[in-house]
Amino acid sequence: MSVDSVENARDNTGEGGAEQAVAATVRYYSVAPGVNLNVRSGPGTAYPVVRTLSQGAKVPIYCQTPGTTVSGPYGTSNIWDNIGNGEYVADSYVYTGADGYVTSRCS
């Protein structure tokens, strides 16, 4: 299963005390078993490592973008997953259940 959990976020805004609720769904995906995955500051292996994910980690994918081609447990791909502000991981190390993009492209 590619989706491990779903988290709902609510943003309350409005005028004159009126409240609008905007729900956003963030899906978490599993990193390949037995892998300590490098998180980089950009979509490629030339970017510095900003941290390392522990084995068994689950990550949100906010958007995806092309970058350096990487071979991993889930194939060879140039897709990089944005998992946070200035944090990217190679999609070939994340089980998404698909060979292509699973969310929107980063802008």
PDB file of N, CA and C in Angstrom:
ATOM      1  N   MET A   1       0.836  -1.171   0.000  1.00  0.00           N
ATOM      2  CA  MET A   1       0.000   0.000   0.000  1.00  0.00           C
ATOM      3  C   MET A   1       0.884   1.239   0.000  1.00  0.00           C
ATOM      4  N   SER A   2       0.639   2.185  -0.879  1.00  0.00           N
ATOM      5  CA  SER A   2       1.512   3.339  -0.996  1.00  0.00           C
ATOM      6  C   SER A   2       1.182   4.442  -0.001  1.00  0.00           C
ATOM      7  N   VAL A   3      -0.021   4.472   0.484  1.00  0.00           N
ATOM      8  CA  VAL A   3      -0.398   5.521   1.423  1.00  0.00           C
ATOM      9  C   VAL A   3      -0.407   4.930   2.820  1.00  0.00           C
ATOM     10  N   ASP A   4       0.448   5.463   3.679  1.00  0.00           N
ATOM     11  CA  ASP A   4       0.562   4.931   5.020  1.00  0.00           C
ATOM     12  C   ASP A   4      -0.357   5.632   6.007  1.00  0.00           C
ATOM     13  N   SER A   5      -0.549   6.913   5.836  1.00  0.00           N
ATOM     14  CA  SER A   5      -1.465   7.640   6.691  1.00  0.00           C
ATOM     15  C   SER A   5      -1.871   8.920   6.007  1.00  0.00           C
ATOM     16  N   VAL A   6      -2.945   9.469   6.462  1.00  0.00           N
ATOM     17  CA  VAL A   6      -3.440  10.715   5.913  1.00  0.00           C
ATOM     18  C   VAL A   6      -3.616  11.684   7.061  1.00  0.00           C
ATOM     19  N   GLU A   7      -3.161  12.899   6.828  1.00  0.00           N
ATOM     20  CA  GLU A   7      -3.267  13.923   7.849  1.00  0.00           C
ATOM     21  C   GLU A   7      -4.064  15.081   7.268  1.00  0.00           C
ATOM     22  N   ASN A   8      -5.056  15.571   8.001  1.00  0.00           N
ATOM     23  CA  ASN A   8      -5.828  16.712   7.545  1.00  0.00           C
ATOM     24  C   ASN A   8      -5.346  17.971   8.229  1.00  0.00           C
ATOM     25  N   ALA A   9      -5.188  19.009   7.436  1.00  0.00           N
ATOM     26  CA  ALA A   9      -4.798  20.309   7.967  1.00  0.00           C
ATOM     27  C   ALA A   9      -5.927  21.283   7.698  1.00  0.00           C
ATOM     28  N   ARG A  10      -6.170  22.173   8.635  1.00  0.00           N
ATOM     29  CA  ARG A  10      -7.236  23.150   8.463  1.00  0.00           C
ATOM     30  C   ARG A  10      -6.647  24.547   8.557  1.00  0.00           C
ATOM     31  N   ASP A  11      -7.098  25.414   7.666  1.00  0.00           N
ATOM     32  CA  ASP A  11      -6.681  26.813   7.647  1.00  0.00           C
ATOM     33  C   ASP A  11      -7.942  27.638   7.812  1.00  0.00           C
ATOM     34  N   ASN A  12      -8.068  28.320   8.926  1.00  0.00           N
ATOM     35  CA  ASN A  12      -9.257  29.116   9.212  1.00  0.00           C
ATOM     36  C   ASN A  12      -8.993  30.581   8.908  1.00  0.00           C
ATOM     37  N   THR A  13      -9.751  31.122   7.957  1.00  0.00           N
ATOM     38  CA  THR A  13      -9.629  32.524   7.603  1.00  0.00           C
ATOM     39  C   THR A  13     -11.009  33.084   7.402  1.00  0.00           C
ATOM     40  N   GLY A  14     -11.116  34.387   7.355  1.00  0.00           N
ATOM     41  CA  GLY A  14     -12.419  34.972   7.093  1.00  0.00           C
ATOM     42  C   GLY A  14     -12.465  36.432   7.465  1.00  0.00           C
ATOM     43  N   GLU A  15     -13.576  37.070   7.128  1.00  0.00           N
ATOM     44  CA  GLU A  15     -13.771  38.474   7.425  1.00  0.00           C
ATOM     45  C   GLU A  15     -14.829  38.623   8.492  1.00  0.00           C
ATOM     46  N   GLY A  16     -14.668  39.603   9.376  1.00  0.00           N
ATOM     47  CA  GLY A  16     -15.674  39.904  10.383  1.00  0.00           C
ATOM     48  C   GLY A  16     -16.014  38.728  11.263  1.00  0.00           C
ATOM     49  N   GLY A  17     -15.044  37.890  11.561  1.00  0.00           N
ATOM     50  CA  GLY A  17     -15.284  36.753  12.431  1.00  0.00           C
ATOM     51  C   GLY A  17     -15.836  35.536  11.710  1.00  0.00           C
ATOM     52  N   ALA A  18     -16.176  35.683  10.433  1.00  0.00           N
ATOM     53  CA  ALA A  18     -16.664  34.531   9.675  1.00  0.00           C
ATOM     54  C   ALA A  18     -15.499  33.575   9.455  1.00  0.00           C
ATOM     55  N   GLU A  19     -15.766  32.312   9.526  1.00  0.00           N
ATOM     56  CA  GLU A  19     -14.696  31.312   9.424  1.00  0.00           C
ATOM     57  C   GLU A  19     -14.893  30.448   8.196  1.00  0.00           C
ATOM     58  N   GLN A  20     -13.821  30.309   7.439  1.00  0.00           N
ATOM     59  CA  GLN A  20     -13.827  29.392   6.308  1.00  0.00           C
ATOM     60  C   GLN A  20     -12.825  28.297   6.615  1.00  0.00           C
ATOM     61  N   ALA A  21     -13.202  27.081   6.358  1.00  0.00           N
ATOM     62  CA  ALA A  21     -12.286  25.955   6.596  1.00  0.00           C
ATOM     63  C   ALA A  21     -11.818  25.411   5.260  1.00  0.00           C
ATOM     64  N   VAL A  22     -10.528  25.318   5.124  1.00  0.00           N
ATOM     65  CA  VAL A  22      -9.932  24.750   3.923  1.00  0.00           C
ATOM     66  C   VAL A  22      -9.195  23.500   4.351  1.00  0.00           C
ATOM     67  N   ALA A  23      -9.588  22.359   3.830  1.00  0.00           N
ATOM     68  CA  ALA A  23      -8.948  21.097   4.202  1.00  0.00           C
ATOM     69  C   ALA A  23      -7.939  20.709   3.133  1.00  0.00           C
ATOM     70  N   ALA A  24      -6.763  20.342   3.570  1.00  0.00           N
ATOM     71  CA  ALA A  24      -5.714  19.859   2.668  1.00  0.00           C
ATOM     72  C   ALA A  24      -5.295  18.472   3.140  1.00  0.00           C
ATOM     73  N   THR A  25      -5.097  17.574   2.220  1.00  0.00           N
ATOM     74  CA  THR A  25      -4.705  16.219   2.575  1.00  0.00           C
ATOM     75  C   THR A  25      -3.244  16.010   2.236  1.00  0.00           C
ATOM     76  N   VAL A  26      -2.512  15.543   3.229  1.00  0.00           N
ATOM     77  CA  VAL A  26      -1.102  15.223   3.036  1.00  0.00           C
ATOM     78  C   VAL A  26      -0.955  13.721   3.208  1.00  0.00           C
ATOM     79  N   ARG A  27      -0.373  13.062   2.221  1.00  0.00           N
ATOM     80  CA  ARG A  27      -0.177  11.613   2.289  1.00  0.00           C
ATOM     81  C   ARG A  27       1.266  11.314   2.633  1.00  0.00           C
ATOM     82  N   TYR A  28       1.458  10.286   3.423  1.00  0.00           N
ATOM     83  CA  TYR A  28       2.792   9.860   3.827  1.00  0.00           C
ATOM     84  C   TYR A  28       3.144   8.554   3.120  1.00  0.00           C
ATOM     85  N   TYR A  29       4.387   8.469   2.656  1.00  0.00           N
ATOM     86  CA  TYR A  29       4.875   7.317   1.910  1.00  0.00           C
ATOM     87  C   TYR A  29       6.097   6.738   2.609  1.00  0.00           C
ATOM     88  N   SER A  30       6.271   5.428   2.501  1.00  0.00           N
ATOM     89  CA  SER A  30       7.381   4.734   3.166  1.00  0.00           C
ATOM     90  C   SER A  30       8.670   4.819   2.365  1.00  0.00           C
ATOM     91  N   VAL A  31       9.767   5.050   3.093  1.00  0.00           N
ATOM     92  CA  VAL A  31      11.096   4.981   2.514  1.00  0.00           C
ATOM     93  C   VAL A  31      11.446   3.498   2.400  1.00  0.00           C
ATOM     94  N   ALA A  32      12.240   3.126   1.404  1.00  0.00           N
ATOM     95  CA  ALA A  32      12.621   1.729   1.179  1.00  0.00           C
ATOM     96  C   ALA A  32      13.150   1.095   2.466  1.00  0.00           C
ATOM     97  N   PRO A  33      12.759  -0.154   2.734  1.00  0.00           N
ATOM     98  CA  PRO A  33      13.217  -0.839   3.950  1.00  0.00           C
ATOM     99  C   PRO A  33      14.739  -0.944   4.003  1.00  0.00           C
ATOM    100  N   GLY A  34      15.281  -0.769   5.200  1.00  0.00           N
ATOM    101  CA  GLY A  34      16.710  -0.921   5.411  1.00  0.00           C
ATOM    102  C   GLY A  34      17.564   0.220   4.886  1.00  0.00           C
ATOM    103  N   VAL A  35      16.928   1.347   4.541  1.00  0.00           N
ATOM    104  CA  VAL A  35      17.650   2.470   3.958  1.00  0.00           C
ATOM    105  C   VAL A  35      17.654   3.665   4.907  1.00  0.00           C
ATOM    106  N   ASN A  36      18.832   4.243   5.114  1.00  0.00           N
ATOM    107  CA  ASN A  36      18.960   5.554   5.751  1.00  0.00           C
ATOM    108  C   ASN A  36      19.076   6.536   4.588  1.00  0.00           C
ATOM    109  N   LEU A  37      18.032   7.302   4.340  1.00  0.00           N
ATOM    110  CA  LEU A  37      17.938   8.107   3.126  1.00  0.00           C
ATOM    111  C   LEU A  37      18.422   9.541   3.337  1.00  0.00           C
ATOM    112  N   ASN A  38      19.328   9.987   2.448  1.00  0.00           N
ATOM    113  CA  ASN A  38      19.812  11.360   2.492  1.00  0.00           C
ATOM    114  C   ASN A  38      18.724  12.317   2.018  1.00  0.00           C
ATOM    115  N   VAL A  39      18.523  13.383   2.780  1.00  0.00           N
ATOM    116  CA  VAL A  39      17.624  14.467   2.401  1.00  0.00           C
ATOM    117  C   VAL A  39      18.525  15.611   1.935  1.00  0.00           C
ATOM    118  N   ARG A  40      18.261  16.103   0.735  1.00  0.00           N
ATOM    119  CA  ARG A  40      19.128  17.129   0.148  1.00  0.00           C
ATOM    120  C   ARG A  40      18.397  18.459   0.029  1.00  0.00           C
ATOM    121  N   SER A  41      19.167  19.528  -0.117  1.00  0.00           N
ATOM    122  CA  SER A  41      18.593  20.869  -0.186  1.00  0.00           C
ATOM    123  C   SER A  41      17.988  21.201  -1.546  1.00  0.00           C
ATOM    124  N   GLY A  42      18.172  20.339  -2.525  1.00  0.00           N
ATOM    125  CA  GLY A  42      17.614  20.529  -3.856  1.00  0.00           C
ATOM    126  C   GLY A  42      17.447  19.185  -4.544  1.00  0.00           C
ATOM    127  N   PRO A  43      16.851  19.192  -5.739  1.00  0.00           N
ATOM    128  CA  PRO A  43      16.531  17.953  -6.445  1.00  0.00           C
ATOM    129  C   PRO A  43      17.695  17.344  -7.218  1.00  0.00           C
ATOM    130  N   GLY A  44      18.717  16.922  -6.501  1.00  0.00           N
ATOM    131  CA  GLY A  44      19.844  16.300  -7.175  1.00  0.00           C
ATOM    132  C   GLY A  44      20.947  15.922  -6.213  1.00  0.00           C
ATOM    133  N   THR A  45      21.810  15.027  -6.669  1.00  0.00           N
ATOM    134  CA  THR A  45      22.896  14.533  -5.818  1.00  0.00           C
ATOM    135  C   THR A  45      24.007  15.563  -5.615  1.00  0.00           C
ATOM    136  N   ALA A  46      24.023  16.634  -6.400  1.00  0.00           N
ATOM    137  CA  ALA A  46      25.024  17.679  -6.221  1.00  0.00           C
ATOM    138  C   ALA A  46      24.664  18.633  -5.082  1.00  0.00           C
ATOM    139  N   TYR A  47      23.421  18.591  -4.637  1.00  0.00           N
ATOM    140  CA  TYR A  47      22.986  19.453  -3.529  1.00  0.00           C
ATOM    141  C   TYR A  47      23.470  18.871  -2.205  1.00  0.00           C
ATOM    142  N   PRO A  48      23.760  19.722  -1.228  1.00  0.00           N
ATOM    143  CA  PRO A  48      24.230  19.222   0.073  1.00  0.00           C
ATOM    144  C   PRO A  48      23.165  18.416   0.816  1.00  0.00           C
ATOM    145  N   VAL A  49      23.632  17.459   1.607  1.00  0.00           N
ATOM    146  CA  VAL A  49      22.753  16.681   2.485  1.00  0.00           C
ATOM    147  C   VAL A  49      22.418  17.562   3.690  1.00  0.00           C
ATOM    148  N   VAL A  50      21.116  17.724   3.962  1.00  0.00           N
ATOM    149  CA  VAL A  50      20.703  18.553   5.107  1.00  0.00           C
ATOM    150  C   VAL A  50      20.365  17.711   6.335  1.00  0.00           C
ATOM    151  N   ARG A  51      20.014  16.449   6.102  1.00  0.00           N
ATOM    152  CA  ARG A  51      19.762  15.498   7.188  1.00  0.00           C
ATOM    153  C   ARG A  51      19.611  14.113   6.576  1.00  0.00           C
ATOM    154  N   THR A  52      19.528  13.100   7.421  1.00  0.00           N
ATOM    155  CA  THR A  52      19.351  11.725   6.970  1.00  0.00           C
ATOM    156  C   THR A  52      18.142  11.137   7.667  1.00  0.00           C
ATOM    157  N   LEU A  53      17.275  10.479   6.891  1.00  0.00           N
ATOM    158  CA  LEU A  53      16.093   9.824   7.463  1.00  0.00           C
ATOM    159  C   LEU A  53      16.471   8.444   7.966  1.00  0.00           C
ATOM    160  N   SER A  54      15.950   8.068   9.109  1.00  0.00           N
ATOM    161  CA  SER A  54      16.207   6.750   9.690  1.00  0.00           C
ATOM    162  C   SER A  54      15.455   5.673   8.934  1.00  0.00           C
ATOM    163  N   GLN A  55      15.913   4.428   9.107  1.00  0.00           N
ATOM    164  CA  GLN A  55      15.221   3.283   8.524  1.00  0.00           C
ATOM    165  C   GLN A  55      13.785   3.258   9.021  1.00  0.00           C
ATOM    166  N   GLY A  56      12.856   2.949   8.125  1.00  0.00           N
ATOM    167  CA  GLY A  56      11.445   2.865   8.483  1.00  0.00           C
ATOM    168  C   GLY A  56      10.717   4.197   8.461  1.00  0.00           C
ATOM    169  N   ALA A  57      11.382   5.259   8.004  1.00  0.00           N
ATOM    170  CA  ALA A  57      10.763   6.586   7.975  1.00  0.00           C
ATOM    171  C   ALA A  57       9.616   6.640   6.965  1.00  0.00           C
ATOM    172  N   LYS A  58       8.686   7.522   7.237  1.00  0.00           N
ATOM    173  CA  LYS A  58       7.588   7.827   6.321  1.00  0.00           C
ATOM    174  C   LYS A  58       7.671   9.318   6.026  1.00  0.00           C
ATOM    175  N   VAL A  59       7.445   9.692   4.762  1.00  0.00           N
ATOM    176  CA  VAL A  59       7.594  11.084   4.368  1.00  0.00           C
ATOM    177  C   VAL A  59       6.350  11.602   3.648  1.00  0.00           C
ATOM    178  N   PRO A  60       6.036  12.892   3.848  1.00  0.00           N
ATOM    179  CA  PRO A  60       4.984  13.513   3.041  1.00  0.00           C
ATOM    180  C   PRO A  60       5.600  13.927   1.706  1.00  0.00           C
ATOM    181  N   ILE A  61       4.813  13.949   0.653  1.00  0.00           N
ATOM    182  CA  ILE A  61       5.296  14.480  -0.622  1.00  0.00           C
ATOM    183  C   ILE A  61       4.399  15.660  -0.963  1.00  0.00           C
ATOM    184  N   TYR A  62       4.964  16.871  -0.867  1.00  0.00           N
ATOM    185  CA  TYR A  62       4.199  18.086  -1.128  1.00  0.00           C
ATOM    186  C   TYR A  62       4.133  18.411  -2.611  1.00  0.00           C
ATOM    187  N   CYS A  63       5.234  18.119  -3.328  1.00  0.00           N
ATOM    188  CA  CYS A  63       5.276  18.293  -4.769  1.00  0.00           C
ATOM    189  C   CYS A  63       6.477  17.505  -5.278  1.00  0.00           C
ATOM    190  N   GLN A  64       6.582  17.369  -6.597  1.00  0.00           N
ATOM    191  CA  GLN A  64       7.679  16.613  -7.200  1.00  0.00           C
ATOM    192  C   GLN A  64       8.270  17.416  -8.348  1.00  0.00           C
ATOM    193  N   THR A  65       9.562  17.181  -8.606  1.00  0.00           N
ATOM    194  CA  THR A  65      10.257  17.924  -9.650  1.00  0.00           C
ATOM    195  C   THR A  65      11.351  17.060 -10.273  1.00  0.00           C
ATOM    196  N   PRO A  66      11.686  17.299 -11.537  1.00  0.00           N
ATOM    197  CA  PRO A  66      12.782  16.539 -12.132  1.00  0.00           C
ATOM    198  C   PRO A  66      14.136  17.021 -11.613  1.00  0.00           C
ATOM    199  N   GLY A  67      15.090  16.119 -11.588  1.00  0.00           N
ATOM    200  CA  GLY A  67      16.441  16.435 -11.135  1.00  0.00           C
ATOM    201  C   GLY A  67      17.404  15.358 -11.597  1.00  0.00           C
ATOM    202  N   THR A  68      18.440  15.109 -10.806  1.00  0.00           N
ATOM    203  CA  THR A  68      19.430  14.084 -11.119  1.00  0.00           C
ATOM    204  C   THR A  68      18.765  12.710 -11.197  1.00  0.00           C
ATOM    205  N   THR A  69      19.130  11.907 -12.181  1.00  0.00           N
ATOM    206  CA  THR A  69      18.610  10.540 -12.286  1.00  0.00           C
ATOM    207  C   THR A  69      19.323   9.657 -11.259  1.00  0.00           C
ATOM    208  N   VAL A  70      18.517   8.903 -10.493  1.00  0.00           N
ATOM    209  CA  VAL A  70      19.029   8.054  -9.418  1.00  0.00           C
ATOM    210  C   VAL A  70      18.417   6.665  -9.545  1.00  0.00           C
ATOM    211  N   SER A  71      19.232   5.629  -9.340  1.00  0.00           N
ATOM    212  CA  SER A  71      18.733   4.250  -9.284  1.00  0.00           C
ATOM    213  C   SER A  71      18.598   3.842  -7.830  1.00  0.00           C
ATOM    214  N   GLY A  72      17.466   3.223  -7.499  1.00  0.00           N
ATOM    215  CA  GLY A  72      17.220   2.790  -6.132  1.00  0.00           C
ATOM    216  C   GLY A  72      16.365   1.545  -6.114  1.00  0.00           C
ATOM    217  N   PRO A  73      15.882   1.156  -4.955  1.00  0.00           N
ATOM    218  CA  PRO A  73      15.080  -0.057  -4.822  1.00  0.00           C
ATOM    219  C   PRO A  73      13.801  -0.050  -5.657  1.00  0.00           C
ATOM    220  N   TYR A  74      13.288   1.145  -5.985  1.00  0.00           N
ATOM    221  CA  TYR A  74      12.044   1.234  -6.743  1.00  0.00           C
ATOM    222  C   TYR A  74      12.273   1.717  -8.168  1.00  0.00           C
ATOM    223  N   GLY A  75      13.440   1.396  -8.725  1.00  0.00           N
ATOM    224  CA  GLY A  75      13.717   1.701 -10.120  1.00  0.00           C
ATOM    225  C   GLY A  75      14.684   2.855 -10.307  1.00  0.00           C
ATOM    226  N   THR A  76      14.742   3.336 -11.536  1.00  0.00           N
ATOM    227  CA  THR A  76      15.598   4.454 -11.891  1.00  0.00           C
ATOM    228  C   THR A  76      14.697   5.603 -12.323  1.00  0.00           C
ATOM    229  N   SER A  77      14.929   6.776 -11.740  1.00  0.00           N
ATOM    230  CA  SER A  77      14.047   7.909 -12.000  1.00  0.00           C
ATOM    231  C   SER A  77      14.793   9.220 -11.805  1.00  0.00           C
ATOM    232  N   ASN A  78      14.306  10.260 -12.476  1.00  0.00           N
ATOM    233  CA  ASN A  78      14.830  11.602 -12.249  1.00  0.00           C
ATOM    234  C   ASN A  78      13.855  12.441 -11.410  1.00  0.00           C
ATOM    235  N   ILE A  79      12.842  11.789 -10.858  1.00  0.00           N
ATOM    236  CA  ILE A  79      11.857  12.490 -10.030  1.00  0.00           C
ATOM    237  C   ILE A  79      12.388  12.631  -8.602  1.00  0.00           C
ATOM    238  N   TRP A  80      12.259  13.839  -8.072  1.00  0.00           N
ATOM    239  CA  TRP A  80      12.630  14.134  -6.690  1.00  0.00           C
ATOM    240  C   TRP A  80      11.404  14.624  -5.952  1.00  0.00           C
ATOM    241  N   ASP A  81      11.240  14.144  -4.713  1.00  0.00           N
ATOM    242  CA  ASP A  81      10.084  14.474  -3.883  1.00  0.00           C
ATOM    243  C   ASP A  81      10.428  15.576  -2.894  1.00  0.00           C
ATOM    244  N   ASN A  82       9.619  16.627  -2.885  1.00  0.00           N
ATOM    245  CA  ASN A  82       9.787  17.690  -1.897  1.00  0.00           C
ATOM    246  C   ASN A  82       9.053  17.251  -0.633  1.00  0.00           C
ATOM    247  N   ILE A  83       9.805  17.069   0.460  1.00  0.00           N
ATOM    248  CA  ILE A  83       9.216  16.573   1.711  1.00  0.00           C
ATOM    249  C   ILE A  83       9.180  17.654   2.785  1.00  0.00           C
ATOM    250  N   GLY A  84       9.600  18.851   2.439  1.00  0.00           N
ATOM    251  CA  GLY A  84       9.604  19.969   3.370  1.00  0.00           C
ATOM    252  C   GLY A  84      10.287  21.156   2.721  1.00  0.00           C
ATOM    253  N   ASN A  85      10.314  22.272   3.419  1.00  0.00           N
ATOM    254  CA  ASN A  85      10.925  23.481   2.891  1.00  0.00           C
ATOM    255  C   ASN A  85      12.423  23.265   2.657  1.00  0.00           C
ATOM    256  N   GLY A  86      12.820  23.223   1.376  1.00  0.00           N
ATOM    257  CA  GLY A  86      14.223  23.007   1.035  1.00  0.00           C
ATOM    258  C   GLY A  86      14.707  21.607   1.320  1.00  0.00           C
ATOM    259  N   GLU A  87      13.799  20.615   1.286  1.00  0.00           N
ATOM    260  CA  GLU A  87      14.162  19.220   1.557  1.00  0.00           C
ATOM    261  C   GLU A  87      13.629  18.315   0.451  1.00  0.00           C
ATOM    262  N   TYR A  88      14.558  17.590  -0.193  1.00  0.00           N
ATOM    263  CA  TYR A  88      14.208  16.711  -1.308  1.00  0.00           C
ATOM    264  C   TYR A  88      14.825  15.329  -1.124  1.00  0.00           C
ATOM    265  N   VAL A  89      14.087  14.299  -1.559  1.00  0.00           N
ATOM    266  CA  VAL A  89      14.612  12.935  -1.573  1.00  0.00           C
ATOM    267  C   VAL A  89      14.360  12.339  -2.946  1.00  0.00           C
ATOM    268  N   ALA A  90      15.229  11.418  -3.350  1.00  0.00           N
ATOM    269  CA  ALA A  90      15.076  10.737  -4.635  1.00  0.00           C
ATOM    270  C   ALA A  90      13.858   9.819  -4.577  1.00  0.00           C
ATOM    271  N   ASP A  91      12.956   9.979  -5.541  1.00  0.00           N
ATOM    272  CA  ASP A  91      11.714   9.205  -5.575  1.00  0.00           C
ATOM    273  C   ASP A  91      11.964   7.711  -5.713  1.00  0.00           C
ATOM    274  N   SER A  92      13.091   7.313  -6.275  1.00  0.00           N
ATOM    275  CA  SER A  92      13.389   5.891  -6.460  1.00  0.00           C
ATOM    276  C   SER A  92      13.658   5.181  -5.126  1.00  0.00           C
ATOM    277  N   TYR A  93      13.681   5.928  -4.027  1.00  0.00           N
ATOM    278  CA  TYR A  93      13.837   5.347  -2.686  1.00  0.00           C
ATOM    279  C   TYR A  93      12.564   5.458  -1.860  1.00  0.00           C
ATOM    280  N   VAL A  94      11.477   5.947  -2.469  1.00  0.00           N
ATOM    281  CA  VAL A  94      10.207   6.128  -1.759  1.00  0.00           C
ATOM    282  C   VAL A  94       9.149   5.300  -2.458  1.00  0.00           C
ATOM    283  N   TYR A  95       8.423   4.482  -1.680  1.00  0.00           N
ATOM    284  CA  TYR A  95       7.383   3.639  -2.277  1.00  0.00           C
ATOM    285  C   TYR A  95       6.100   4.439  -2.455  1.00  0.00           C
ATOM    286  N   THR A  96       5.844   4.846  -3.719  1.00  0.00           N
ATOM    287  CA  THR A  96       4.624   5.590  -4.027  1.00  0.00           C
ATOM    288  C   THR A  96       3.583   4.727  -4.732  1.00  0.00           C
ATOM    289  N   GLY A  97       4.003   3.553  -5.200  1.00  0.00           N
ATOM    290  CA  GLY A  97       3.085   2.679  -5.922  1.00  0.00           C
ATOM    291  C   GLY A  97       2.928   3.055  -7.386  1.00  0.00           C
ATOM    292  N   ALA A  98       3.740   4.011  -7.860  1.00  0.00           N
ATOM    293  CA  ALA A  98       3.644   4.449  -9.257  1.00  0.00           C
ATOM    294  C   ALA A  98       5.049   4.686  -9.811  1.00  0.00           C
ATOM    295  N   ASP A  99       5.178   4.616 -11.135  1.00  0.00           N
ATOM    296  CA  ASP A  99       6.455   4.869 -11.790  1.00  0.00           C
ATOM    297  C   ASP A  99       6.639   6.324 -12.190  1.00  0.00           C
ATOM    298  N   GLY A 100       5.614   7.130 -12.025  1.00  0.00           N
ATOM    299  CA  GLY A 100       5.680   8.538 -12.418  1.00  0.00           C
ATOM    300  C   GLY A 100       5.301   9.448 -11.263  1.00  0.00           C
ATOM    301  N   TYR A 101       4.853  10.624 -11.629  1.00  0.00           N
ATOM    302  CA  TYR A 101       4.456  11.618 -10.641  1.00  0.00           C
ATOM    303  C   TYR A 101       3.168  11.197  -9.923  1.00  0.00           C
ATOM    304  N   VAL A 102       3.130  11.399  -8.608  1.00  0.00           N
ATOM    305  CA  VAL A 102       1.933  11.074  -7.828  1.00  0.00           C
ATOM    306  C   VAL A 102       1.267  12.318  -7.259  1.00  0.00           C
ATOM    307  N   THR A 103       1.889  13.468  -7.480  1.00  0.00           N
ATOM    308  CA  THR A 103       1.322  14.748  -7.038  1.00  0.00           C
ATOM    309  C   THR A 103       1.769  15.835  -8.005  1.00  0.00           C
ATOM    310  N   SER A 104       1.426  17.052  -7.717  1.00  0.00           N
ATOM    311  CA  SER A 104       1.740  18.153  -8.638  1.00  0.00           C
ATOM    312  C   SER A 104       3.242  18.445  -8.688  1.00  0.00           C
ATOM    313  N   ARG A 105       3.650  19.071  -9.763  1.00  0.00           N
ATOM    314  CA  ARG A 105       5.056  19.477  -9.902  1.00  0.00           C
ATOM    315  C   ARG A 105       5.319  20.720  -9.064  1.00  0.00           C
ATOM    316  N   CYS A 106       6.520  20.798  -8.515  1.00  0.00           N
ATOM    317  CA  CYS A 106       6.909  21.966  -7.727  1.00  0.00           C
ATOM    318  C   CYS A 106       7.030  23.169  -8.652  1.00  0.00           C
ATOM    319  N   SER A 107       6.655  24.319  -8.143  1.00  0.00           N
ATOM    320  CA  SER A 107       6.764  25.530  -8.970  1.00  0.00           C
ATOM    321  C   SER A 107       7.938  26.381  -8.549  1.00  0.00           C
TER     322      SER A 107
END
